[in-house]
Amino acid sequence: MNGSEIMETIFDRLDTAERQDVLDVYEALTGMMIDMDSVDWSE
């Protein structure tokens, strides 16, 4: 399981507001900007 798969697993268990909070933290930790539109929520 790679990092993005782990994040997707976490996202699957969160509601929309919590997802944004996690993205904010994830971006802060990694210094990466994640475009919400580029995330495939269907997996």
Protein backbone atom coordinates (compact mmCIF):
# COMPACT_ATOMS: atom_id res chain seq x y z
CA MET A 1 0.00 0.00 0.00
CA ASN A 2 1.53 3.29 -1.04
CA GLY A 3 0.95 6.73 0.45
CA SER A 4 -1.90 7.69 -1.85
CA GLU A 5 -3.71 4.41 -1.18
CA ILE A 6 -3.39 5.00 2.55
CA MET A 7 -4.81 8.51 2.15
CA GLU A 8 -7.69 7.17 0.06
CA THR A 9 -8.47 4.60 2.76
CA ILE A 10 -8.56 7.38 5.35
CA PHE A 11 -10.73 9.57 3.12
CA ASP A 12 -13.22 6.74 2.64
CA ARG A 13 -13.95 6.88 6.38
CA LEU A 14 -14.37 10.64 6.66
CA ASP A 15 -17.12 13.08 5.84
CA THR A 16 -16.50 16.01 3.51
CA ALA A 17 -15.56 18.54 6.22
CA GLU A 18 -13.13 16.11 7.82
CA ARG A 19 -11.56 15.41 4.43
CA GLN A 20 -10.67 19.07 4.04
CA ASP A 21 -9.12 19.11 7.52
CA VAL A 22 -7.03 16.06 6.67
CA LEU A 23 -5.96 17.61 3.36
CA ASP A 24 -4.88 20.77 5.18
CA VAL A 25 -2.76 18.74 7.60
CA TYR A 26 -1.41 16.50 4.85
CA GLU A 27 -0.39 19.51 2.78
CA ALA A 28 1.30 21.09 5.77
CA LEU A 29 3.23 17.90 6.55
CA THR A 30 4.31 17.16 3.01
CA GLY A 31 4.54 20.66 1.58
CA MET A 32 2.52 19.36 -1.36
CA MET A 33 -0.59 21.01 -2.71
CA ILE A 34 -3.40 18.57 -3.45
CA ASP A 35 -6.03 19.59 -5.96
CA MET A 36 -9.37 18.29 -4.72
CA ASP A 37 -10.51 17.83 -8.31
CA SER A 38 -7.59 15.51 -9.04
CA VAL A 39 -8.41 13.08 -6.23
CA ASP A 40 -10.36 10.03 -7.34
CA TRP A 41 -12.89 9.55 -4.54
CA SER A 42 -14.52 6.54 -6.21
CA GLU A 43 -11.87 3.95 -5.32
